[in-house]
Amino acid sequence: MATKAPIDIGSLIYSDPEMHSGRPCVAGSGVMVRTIAVRHMQGKTVRQILKDWPYLDEARIYAALAYYYANKERIDADLEEDERLGRELAAKYPHGWTRETDPSLNPQ
């Protein structure tokens, strides 16, 4: 019986400075590791996460979770910064961010 060659787990996650500000993503997709981690923190199982992205496989989801837990402090800090920025923008633009609420969006 023939077996497949082992997969280098490091090949399942990649980072590209031109994509998602260099945040790590699941190989073969643009799905960020942090997105998988957040779904998992919300209580979703790997199988439930796969329903969101059926073109991924279990190995890639587990690799994303392993990457998250190995880099938890850094990724959690990034998520917290995004939440802080979201709160700041919501307070600054309570009715949304439009040309009317932010004059800098109007071309000169």
Foldseek 3Di string as FASTA:
>chain_A
DDDDDDDDLVQQWAFDCVAPNRAIDGPPDNHGLLNLVVCVVVPDDLVRVCVVPVVDDSSSSVSSVVVCVVVVVVSVVVVVVVVVVVVVVCVQCVPDDDCVSDVVPDDD
